[in-house]
Amino acid sequence: MNLLTSLTVEIGKMATDDYVGFTFFVGCMAMMAAAAFFFLSMNSFDRKWRTSILVSGLITFIAAVHYWYMRDYWATFADSPTFFRYVDWVLTVPLMCVEFYLILKVAGAKKSLMWKLIFLSVVMLVTGYFGEAVYRDQAWLWGLISGLAYFAIVYIIWFGEAKKLAEKAGGAFLTAHKTLCWFVLVGWAIYPLGYMAGTPGWYEGWFSGLNMDVIYNIGDAVNKIGFGLVVYGLAVSATSASEA
């Protein structure tokens, strides 16, 4: 009862033009619903696909929990919950990299590929946090390092080892891989926009009309739920083909 009362009070405080608070609330509910969907659908698939669906559920569940806290933080302090956001990312983004490994195992993907992608994602996030929250006067430098790690991930999945494995797997695996690659190339590109909108640097003023948190919130919901749905679609296709 206390939780319901607290939630009602927080909603009551939300102004009609509080787009940050609105996107925090919608993002929390959307990712909570996605997590429930993925977890409840696990038993519908062959055992070899349950890990992939579980990871999709974990990604959206972890994000939903953090968004619950971030929404309350914003409602209380009207300040960007940068620390909570990066804690969320440092847990969920490596798991998104794990999804590449899991769907490419059929083509012989090795764990070294998974750890390479995880390492680059952690570098990308840690340096991004340094630039956004710790060394803001050098935000451009930390953003550059973060960007290099991001482009290294893009190269591996679009042109490198992961691309070759996807082509070897072919069919629905190649299609799913390409879709996930587009999420990384286009969907993840939203985050540098948010970074530049919220930090000082030579790019200051380019995105001054954009709200960093709104950009991040929309990007998180689209990318994390979208990633999971691509994996879910592949699991459905592969399971149907094996039963035919």
C-alpha atoms as a PDB file:
ATOM      1  CA  MET A   1       0.000   0.000   0.000  1.00  0.00           C
ATOM      2  CA  ASN A   2       2.845   2.376   0.854  1.00  0.00           C
ATOM      3  CA  LEU A   3       4.511   1.611  -2.492  1.00  0.00           C
ATOM      4  CA  LEU A   4       1.281   2.395  -4.363  1.00  0.00           C
ATOM      5  CA  THR A   5       0.839   5.631  -2.422  1.00  0.00           C
ATOM      6  CA  SER A   6       4.436   6.657  -3.136  1.00  0.00           C
ATOM      7  CA  LEU A   7       3.999   5.934  -6.836  1.00  0.00           C
ATOM      8  CA  THR A   8       0.777   7.982  -6.931  1.00  0.00           C
ATOM      9  CA  VAL A   9       2.486  10.912  -5.209  1.00  0.00           C
ATOM     10  CA  GLU A  10       5.392  10.841  -7.675  1.00  0.00           C
ATOM     11  CA  ILE A  11       3.030  10.740 -10.658  1.00  0.00           C
ATOM     12  CA  GLY A  12       1.084  13.619  -9.153  1.00  0.00           C
ATOM     13  CA  LYS A  13       4.245  15.719  -9.012  1.00  0.00           C
ATOM     14  CA  MET A  14       5.031  15.182 -12.699  1.00  0.00           C
ATOM     15  CA  ALA A  15       4.458  18.341 -14.739  1.00  0.00           C
ATOM     16  CA  THR A  16       2.737  18.049 -18.114  1.00  0.00           C
ATOM     17  CA  ASP A  17       5.880  19.285 -19.855  1.00  0.00           C
ATOM     18  CA  ASP A  18       8.270  17.052 -17.880  1.00  0.00           C
ATOM     19  CA  TYR A  19       9.396  14.968 -20.835  1.00  0.00           C
ATOM     20  CA  VAL A  20      12.328  13.539 -18.909  1.00  0.00           C
ATOM     21  CA  GLY A  21      10.077  12.218 -16.147  1.00  0.00           C
ATOM     22  CA  PHE A  22       7.607  10.906 -18.718  1.00  0.00           C
ATOM     23  CA  THR A  23      10.260   8.992 -20.665  1.00  0.00           C
ATOM     24  CA  PHE A  24      11.700   7.573 -17.433  1.00  0.00           C
ATOM     25  CA  PHE A  25       8.241   6.289 -16.470  1.00  0.00           C
ATOM     26  CA  VAL A  26       7.403   4.881 -19.922  1.00  0.00           C
ATOM     27  CA  GLY A  27      10.869   3.346 -20.265  1.00  0.00           C
ATOM     28  CA  CYS A  28      10.526   1.629 -16.888  1.00  0.00           C
ATOM     29  CA  MET A  29       7.116   0.172 -17.722  1.00  0.00           C
ATOM     30  CA  ALA A  30       8.110  -0.880 -21.253  1.00  0.00           C
ATOM     31  CA  MET A  31      11.243  -2.699 -20.131  1.00  0.00           C
ATOM     32  CA  MET A  32       9.448  -4.317 -17.209  1.00  0.00           C
ATOM     33  CA  ALA A  33       6.820  -5.652 -19.616  1.00  0.00           C
ATOM     34  CA  ALA A  34       9.514  -6.845 -22.040  1.00  0.00           C
ATOM     35  CA  ALA A  35      11.372  -8.660 -19.252  1.00  0.00           C
ATOM     36  CA  ALA A  36       8.181 -10.458 -18.203  1.00  0.00           C
ATOM     37  CA  PHE A  37       7.512 -11.420 -21.821  1.00  0.00           C
ATOM     38  CA  PHE A  38      10.991 -12.872 -22.350  1.00  0.00           C
ATOM     39  CA  PHE A  39      11.067 -14.773 -19.054  1.00  0.00           C
ATOM     40  CA  LEU A  40       7.610 -16.273 -19.542  1.00  0.00           C
ATOM     41  CA  SER A  41       8.384 -17.350 -23.111  1.00  0.00           C
ATOM     42  CA  MET A  42      11.573 -19.265 -22.274  1.00  0.00           C
ATOM     43  CA  ASN A  43       9.912 -22.671 -22.011  1.00  0.00           C
ATOM     44  CA  SER A  44       8.487 -22.286 -25.518  1.00  0.00           C
ATOM     45  CA  PHE A  45      11.897 -22.900 -27.074  1.00  0.00           C
ATOM     46  CA  ASP A  46      14.481 -25.621 -27.395  1.00  0.00           C
ATOM     47  CA  ARG A  47      16.947 -25.753 -24.536  1.00  0.00           C
ATOM     48  CA  LYS A  48      19.766 -24.312 -26.679  1.00  0.00           C
ATOM     49  CA  TRP A  49      17.766 -21.074 -27.139  1.00  0.00           C
ATOM     50  CA  ARG A  50      16.717 -20.578 -23.543  1.00  0.00           C
ATOM     51  CA  THR A  51      20.015 -18.931 -22.598  1.00  0.00           C
ATOM     52  CA  SER A  52      19.599 -16.329 -25.338  1.00  0.00           C
ATOM     53  CA  ILE A  53      16.040 -15.550 -24.254  1.00  0.00           C
ATOM     54  CA  LEU A  54      17.153 -15.481 -20.604  1.00  0.00           C
ATOM     55  CA  VAL A  55      19.845 -12.923 -21.445  1.00  0.00           C
ATOM     56  CA  SER A  56      17.259 -10.797 -23.265  1.00  0.00           C
ATOM     57  CA  GLY A  57      15.073 -10.941 -20.165  1.00  0.00           C
ATOM     58  CA  LEU A  58      17.973 -10.023 -17.893  1.00  0.00           C
ATOM     59  CA  ILE A  59      18.891  -7.024 -20.046  1.00  0.00           C
ATOM     60  CA  THR A  60      15.396  -5.558 -19.886  1.00  0.00           C
ATOM     61  CA  PHE A  61      14.854  -6.541 -16.235  1.00  0.00           C
ATOM     62  CA  ILE A  62      18.086  -4.877 -15.066  1.00  0.00           C
ATOM     63  CA  ALA A  63      17.182  -1.785 -17.077  1.00  0.00           C
ATOM     64  CA  ALA A  64      13.650  -1.695 -15.627  1.00  0.00           C
ATOM     65  CA  VAL A  65      14.986  -1.815 -12.051  1.00  0.00           C
ATOM     66  CA  HIS A  66      17.455   0.985 -12.720  1.00  0.00           C
ATOM     67  CA  TYR A  67      14.814   3.058 -14.460  1.00  0.00           C
ATOM     68  CA  TRP A  68      12.593   2.694 -11.401  1.00  0.00           C
ATOM     69  CA  TYR A  69      15.333   4.249  -9.279  1.00  0.00           C
ATOM     70  CA  MET A  70      16.270   6.835 -11.922  1.00  0.00           C
ATOM     71  CA  ARG A  71      12.656   7.955 -12.254  1.00  0.00           C
ATOM     72  CA  ASP A  72      12.411   8.527  -8.497  1.00  0.00           C
ATOM     73  CA  TYR A  73      15.803  10.275  -8.464  1.00  0.00           C
ATOM     74  CA  TRP A  74      14.656  12.651 -11.184  1.00  0.00           C
ATOM     75  CA  ALA A  75      11.336  13.295  -9.424  1.00  0.00           C
ATOM     76  CA  THR A  76      13.133  14.099  -6.156  1.00  0.00           C
ATOM     77  CA  PHE A  77      16.138  16.110  -7.326  1.00  0.00           C
ATOM     78  CA  ALA A  78      15.272  17.138 -10.932  1.00  0.00           C
ATOM     79  CA  ASP A  79      18.834  16.153 -11.811  1.00  0.00           C
ATOM     80  CA  SER A  80      20.253  13.636 -14.257  1.00  0.00           C
ATOM     81  CA  PRO A  81      20.910  10.256 -12.539  1.00  0.00           C
ATOM     82  CA  THR A  82      24.220   9.759 -14.331  1.00  0.00           C
ATOM     83  CA  PHE A  83      25.681   7.277 -11.851  1.00  0.00           C
ATOM     84  CA  PHE A  84      22.636   4.968 -11.921  1.00  0.00           C
ATOM     85  CA  ARG A  85      22.522   5.158 -15.715  1.00  0.00           C
ATOM     86  CA  TYR A  86      26.118   4.043 -16.131  1.00  0.00           C
ATOM     87  CA  VAL A  87      25.671   1.242 -13.590  1.00  0.00           C
ATOM     88  CA  ASP A  88      22.757   0.083 -15.748  1.00  0.00           C
ATOM     89  CA  TRP A  89      24.826   0.291 -18.933  1.00  0.00           C
ATOM     90  CA  VAL A  90      27.890  -1.449 -17.515  1.00  0.00           C
ATOM     91  CA  LEU A  91      25.651  -4.437 -16.726  1.00  0.00           C
ATOM     92  CA  THR A  92      23.370  -4.485 -19.758  1.00  0.00           C
ATOM     93  CA  VAL A  93      25.603  -3.459 -22.666  1.00  0.00           C
ATOM     94  CA  PRO A  94      28.086  -6.335 -22.122  1.00  0.00           C
ATOM     95  CA  LEU A  95      25.072  -8.672 -22.020  1.00  0.00           C
ATOM     96  CA  MET A  96      23.989  -7.273 -25.383  1.00  0.00           C
ATOM     97  CA  CYS A  97      27.448  -8.185 -26.668  1.00  0.00           C
ATOM     98  CA  VAL A  98      26.958 -11.691 -25.279  1.00  0.00           C
ATOM     99  CA  GLU A  99      23.911 -12.034 -27.535  1.00  0.00           C
ATOM    100  CA  PHE A 100      26.180 -11.840 -30.591  1.00  0.00           C
ATOM    101  CA  TYR A 101      28.245 -14.729 -29.274  1.00  0.00           C
ATOM    102  CA  LEU A 102      25.198 -16.824 -28.391  1.00  0.00           C
ATOM    103  CA  ILE A 103      23.595 -16.614 -31.830  1.00  0.00           C
ATOM    104  CA  LEU A 104      26.934 -17.211 -33.580  1.00  0.00           C
ATOM    105  CA  LYS A 105      27.827 -20.321 -31.567  1.00  0.00           C
ATOM    106  CA  VAL A 106      26.114 -22.348 -34.280  1.00  0.00           C
ATOM    107  CA  ALA A 107      28.896 -21.232 -36.649  1.00  0.00           C
ATOM    108  CA  GLY A 108      31.667 -22.021 -34.179  1.00  0.00           C
ATOM    109  CA  ALA A 109      32.070 -18.698 -32.383  1.00  0.00           C
ATOM    110  CA  LYS A 110      34.676 -18.873 -29.628  1.00  0.00           C
ATOM    111  CA  LYS A 111      34.485 -17.306 -26.198  1.00  0.00           C
ATOM    112  CA  SER A 112      37.420 -15.074 -27.152  1.00  0.00           C
ATOM    113  CA  LEU A 113      35.023 -13.136 -29.437  1.00  0.00           C
ATOM    114  CA  MET A 114      32.585 -12.672 -26.563  1.00  0.00           C
ATOM    115  CA  TRP A 115      35.259 -11.438 -24.165  1.00  0.00           C
ATOM    116  CA  LYS A 116      36.689  -9.098 -26.804  1.00  0.00           C
ATOM    117  CA  LEU A 117      33.301  -7.462 -27.314  1.00  0.00           C
ATOM    118  CA  ILE A 118      32.668  -7.302 -23.555  1.00  0.00           C
ATOM    119  CA  PHE A 119      36.076  -5.678 -22.948  1.00  0.00           C
ATOM    120  CA  LEU A 120      35.514  -3.036 -25.621  1.00  0.00           C
ATOM    121  CA  SER A 121      32.027  -2.286 -24.293  1.00  0.00           C
ATOM    122  CA  VAL A 122      33.370  -1.797 -20.756  1.00  0.00           C
ATOM    123  CA  VAL A 123      36.115   0.530 -22.047  1.00  0.00           C
ATOM    124  CA  MET A 124      33.482   2.466 -23.992  1.00  0.00           C
ATOM    125  CA  LEU A 125      31.301   2.872 -20.898  1.00  0.00           C
ATOM    126  CA  VAL A 126      33.969   3.567 -18.274  1.00  0.00           C
ATOM    127  CA  THR A 127      35.636   6.252 -20.373  1.00  0.00           C
ATOM    128  CA  GLY A 128      32.222   7.709 -21.178  1.00  0.00           C
ATOM    129  CA  TYR A 129      31.448   7.947 -17.461  1.00  0.00           C
ATOM    130  CA  PHE A 130      34.786   9.636 -16.778  1.00  0.00           C
ATOM    131  CA  GLY A 131      34.022  12.262 -19.394  1.00  0.00           C
ATOM    132  CA  GLU A 132      30.423  12.834 -18.356  1.00  0.00           C
ATOM    133  CA  ALA A 133      30.723  12.741 -14.571  1.00  0.00           C
ATOM    134  CA  VAL A 134      34.353  12.867 -13.365  1.00  0.00           C
ATOM    135  CA  TYR A 135      36.620  14.799 -15.754  1.00  0.00           C
ATOM    136  CA  ARG A 136      34.099  17.031 -17.478  1.00  0.00           C
ATOM    137  CA  ASP A 137      36.758  19.572 -18.485  1.00  0.00           C
ATOM    138  CA  GLN A 138      38.298  16.821 -20.614  1.00  0.00           C
ATOM    139  CA  ALA A 139      34.998  15.381 -21.822  1.00  0.00           C
ATOM    140  CA  TRP A 140      36.070  15.560 -25.469  1.00  0.00           C
ATOM    141  CA  LEU A 141      39.132  13.376 -24.793  1.00  0.00           C
ATOM    142  CA  TRP A 142      37.264  10.705 -22.826  1.00  0.00           C
ATOM    143  CA  GLY A 143      34.490  10.836 -25.395  1.00  0.00           C
ATOM    144  CA  LEU A 144      37.048  10.218 -28.136  1.00  0.00           C
ATOM    145  CA  ILE A 145      38.427   7.140 -26.350  1.00  0.00           C
ATOM    146  CA  SER A 146      34.886   5.889 -25.769  1.00  0.00           C
ATOM    147  CA  GLY A 147      34.110   6.454 -29.444  1.00  0.00           C
ATOM    148  CA  LEU A 148      37.157   4.487 -30.570  1.00  0.00           C
ATOM    149  CA  ALA A 149      36.040   1.498 -28.483  1.00  0.00           C
ATOM    150  CA  TYR A 150      32.566   1.813 -30.001  1.00  0.00           C
ATOM    151  CA  PHE A 151      33.904   1.840 -33.552  1.00  0.00           C
ATOM    152  CA  ALA A 152      36.080  -1.183 -32.746  1.00  0.00           C
ATOM    153  CA  ILE A 153      32.882  -3.057 -31.812  1.00  0.00           C
ATOM    154  CA  VAL A 154      31.226  -1.840 -35.013  1.00  0.00           C
ATOM    155  CA  TYR A 155      34.168  -3.077 -37.091  1.00  0.00           C
ATOM    156  CA  ILE A 156      34.168  -6.543 -35.501  1.00  0.00           C
ATOM    157  CA  ILE A 157      30.467  -7.144 -36.028  1.00  0.00           C
ATOM    158  CA  TRP A 158      30.160  -5.508 -39.453  1.00  0.00           C
ATOM    159  CA  PHE A 159      33.430  -6.512 -41.126  1.00  0.00           C
ATOM    160  CA  GLY A 160      35.466  -8.686 -38.778  1.00  0.00           C
ATOM    161  CA  GLU A 161      35.255 -12.056 -37.081  1.00  0.00           C
ATOM    162  CA  ALA A 162      31.572 -11.820 -36.152  1.00  0.00           C
ATOM    163  CA  LYS A 163      30.558 -10.964 -39.732  1.00  0.00           C
ATOM    164  CA  LYS A 164      32.423 -13.986 -41.123  1.00  0.00           C
ATOM    165  CA  LEU A 165      30.764 -16.302 -38.604  1.00  0.00           C
ATOM    166  CA  ALA A 166      27.336 -14.902 -39.441  1.00  0.00           C
ATOM    167  CA  GLU A 167      27.922 -15.509 -43.143  1.00  0.00           C
ATOM    168  CA  LYS A 168      29.013 -19.041 -42.335  1.00  0.00           C
ATOM    169  CA  ALA A 169      25.809 -19.636 -40.359  1.00  0.00           C
ATOM    170  CA  GLY A 170      23.657 -18.089 -43.089  1.00  0.00           C
ATOM    171  CA  GLY A 171      19.859 -18.025 -43.245  1.00  0.00           C
ATOM    172  CA  ALA A 172      17.963 -16.643 -40.255  1.00  0.00           C
ATOM    173  CA  PHE A 173      21.207 -16.348 -38.254  1.00  0.00           C
ATOM    174  CA  LEU A 174      22.737 -13.990 -40.812  1.00  0.00           C
ATOM    175  CA  THR A 175      19.526 -11.948 -40.961  1.00  0.00           C
ATOM    176  CA  ALA A 176      19.358 -11.636 -37.169  1.00  0.00           C
ATOM    177  CA  HIS A 177      23.054 -10.713 -37.014  1.00  0.00           C
ATOM    178  CA  LYS A 178      22.588  -7.958 -39.587  1.00  0.00           C
ATOM    179  CA  THR A 179      19.621  -6.565 -37.671  1.00  0.00           C
ATOM    180  CA  LEU A 180      21.593  -6.494 -34.419  1.00  0.00           C
ATOM    181  CA  CYS A 181      24.444  -4.790 -36.294  1.00  0.00           C
ATOM    182  CA  TRP A 182      22.059  -2.057 -37.405  1.00  0.00           C
ATOM    183  CA  PHE A 183      20.948  -1.582 -33.812  1.00  0.00           C
ATOM    184  CA  VAL A 184      24.578  -1.053 -32.803  1.00  0.00           C
ATOM    185  CA  LEU A 185      25.389   1.254 -35.719  1.00  0.00           C
ATOM    186  CA  VAL A 186      22.223   3.371 -35.672  1.00  0.00           C
ATOM    187  CA  GLY A 187      20.613   2.722 -32.281  1.00  0.00           C
ATOM    188  CA  TRP A 188      23.774   3.051 -30.226  1.00  0.00           C
ATOM    189  CA  ALA A 189      24.686   6.208 -32.143  1.00  0.00           C
ATOM    190  CA  ILE A 190      21.988   7.945 -30.086  1.00  0.00           C
ATOM    191  CA  TYR A 191      24.246   7.777 -27.025  1.00  0.00           C
ATOM    192  CA  PRO A 192      27.068   9.973 -28.403  1.00  0.00           C
ATOM    193  CA  LEU A 193      24.386  12.582 -29.175  1.00  0.00           C
ATOM    194  CA  GLY A 194      23.278  12.487 -25.547  1.00  0.00           C
ATOM    195  CA  TYR A 195      26.896  12.652 -24.408  1.00  0.00           C
ATOM    196  CA  MET A 196      27.602  15.744 -26.507  1.00  0.00           C
ATOM    197  CA  ALA A 197      24.329  17.358 -25.418  1.00  0.00           C
ATOM    198  CA  GLY A 198      25.316  16.996 -21.766  1.00  0.00           C
ATOM    199  CA  THR A 199      29.052  17.719 -21.694  1.00  0.00           C
ATOM    200  CA  PRO A 200      31.260  20.739 -22.506  1.00  0.00           C
ATOM    201  CA  GLY A 201      33.695  20.647 -25.436  1.00  0.00           C
ATOM    202  CA  TRP A 202      34.464  21.949 -28.907  1.00  0.00           C
ATOM    203  CA  TYR A 203      31.112  20.527 -29.979  1.00  0.00           C
ATOM    204  CA  GLU A 204      29.262  22.582 -27.363  1.00  0.00           C
ATOM    205  CA  GLY A 205      26.188  24.227 -28.827  1.00  0.00           C
ATOM    206  CA  TRP A 206      25.669  21.649 -31.588  1.00  0.00           C
ATOM    207  CA  PHE A 207      23.014  19.817 -29.614  1.00  0.00           C
ATOM    208  CA  SER A 208      22.077  22.450 -27.062  1.00  0.00           C
ATOM    209  CA  GLY A 209      18.396  22.130 -27.967  1.00  0.00           C
ATOM    210  CA  LEU A 210      18.363  18.418 -27.125  1.00  0.00           C
ATOM    211  CA  ASN A 211      17.797  16.979 -23.661  1.00  0.00           C
ATOM    212  CA  MET A 212      20.416  14.400 -22.734  1.00  0.00           C
ATOM    213  CA  ASP A 213      18.116  12.276 -20.571  1.00  0.00           C
ATOM    214  CA  VAL A 214      15.291  12.163 -23.106  1.00  0.00           C
ATOM    215  CA  ILE A 215      17.762  10.976 -25.771  1.00  0.00           C
ATOM    216  CA  TYR A 216      19.190   8.312 -23.466  1.00  0.00           C
ATOM    217  CA  ASN A 217      15.761   7.120 -22.314  1.00  0.00           C
ATOM    218  CA  ILE A 218      14.397   6.690 -25.832  1.00  0.00           C
ATOM    219  CA  GLY A 219      17.621   5.031 -26.975  1.00  0.00           C
ATOM    220  CA  ASP A 220      17.595   2.567 -24.079  1.00  0.00           C
ATOM    221  CA  ALA A 221      14.015   1.443 -24.648  1.00  0.00           C
ATOM    222  CA  VAL A 222      14.447   1.024 -28.411  1.00  0.00           C
ATOM    223  CA  ASN A 223      17.815  -0.710 -28.264  1.00  0.00           C
ATOM    224  CA  LYS A 224      17.315  -3.074 -25.330  1.00  0.00           C
ATOM    225  CA  ILE A 225      13.807  -4.190 -26.184  1.00  0.00           C
ATOM    226  CA  GLY A 226      14.670  -4.291 -29.884  1.00  0.00           C
ATOM    227  CA  PHE A 227      17.739  -6.451 -29.264  1.00  0.00           C
ATOM    228  CA  GLY A 228      15.634  -8.918 -27.322  1.00  0.00           C
ATOM    229  CA  LEU A 229      12.909  -9.062 -29.956  1.00  0.00           C
ATOM    230  CA  VAL A 230      15.446  -9.838 -32.692  1.00  0.00           C
ATOM    231  CA  VAL A 231      16.830 -12.732 -30.643  1.00  0.00           C
ATOM    232  CA  TYR A 232      13.276 -13.858 -29.845  1.00  0.00           C
ATOM    233  CA  GLY A 233      12.396 -13.833 -33.555  1.00  0.00           C
ATOM    234  CA  LEU A 234      15.469 -15.891 -34.389  1.00  0.00           C
ATOM    235  CA  ALA A 235      14.602 -18.409 -31.663  1.00  0.00           C
ATOM    236  CA  VAL A 236      11.066 -18.738 -33.051  1.00  0.00           C
ATOM    237  CA  SER A 237      12.383 -19.294 -36.598  1.00  0.00           C
ATOM    238  CA  ALA A 238      15.023 -21.818 -35.536  1.00  0.00           C
ATOM    239  CA  THR A 239      12.608 -23.743 -33.307  1.00  0.00           C
ATOM    240  CA  SER A 240       9.979 -23.888 -36.047  1.00  0.00           C
ATOM    241  CA  ALA A 241      12.551 -25.111 -38.568  1.00  0.00           C
ATOM    242  CA  SER A 242      13.732 -27.875 -36.233  1.00  0.00           C
ATOM    243  CA  GLU A 243      10.158 -29.065 -35.662  1.00  0.00           C
ATOM    244  CA  ALA A 244       9.301 -29.092 -39.381  1.00  0.00           C
END
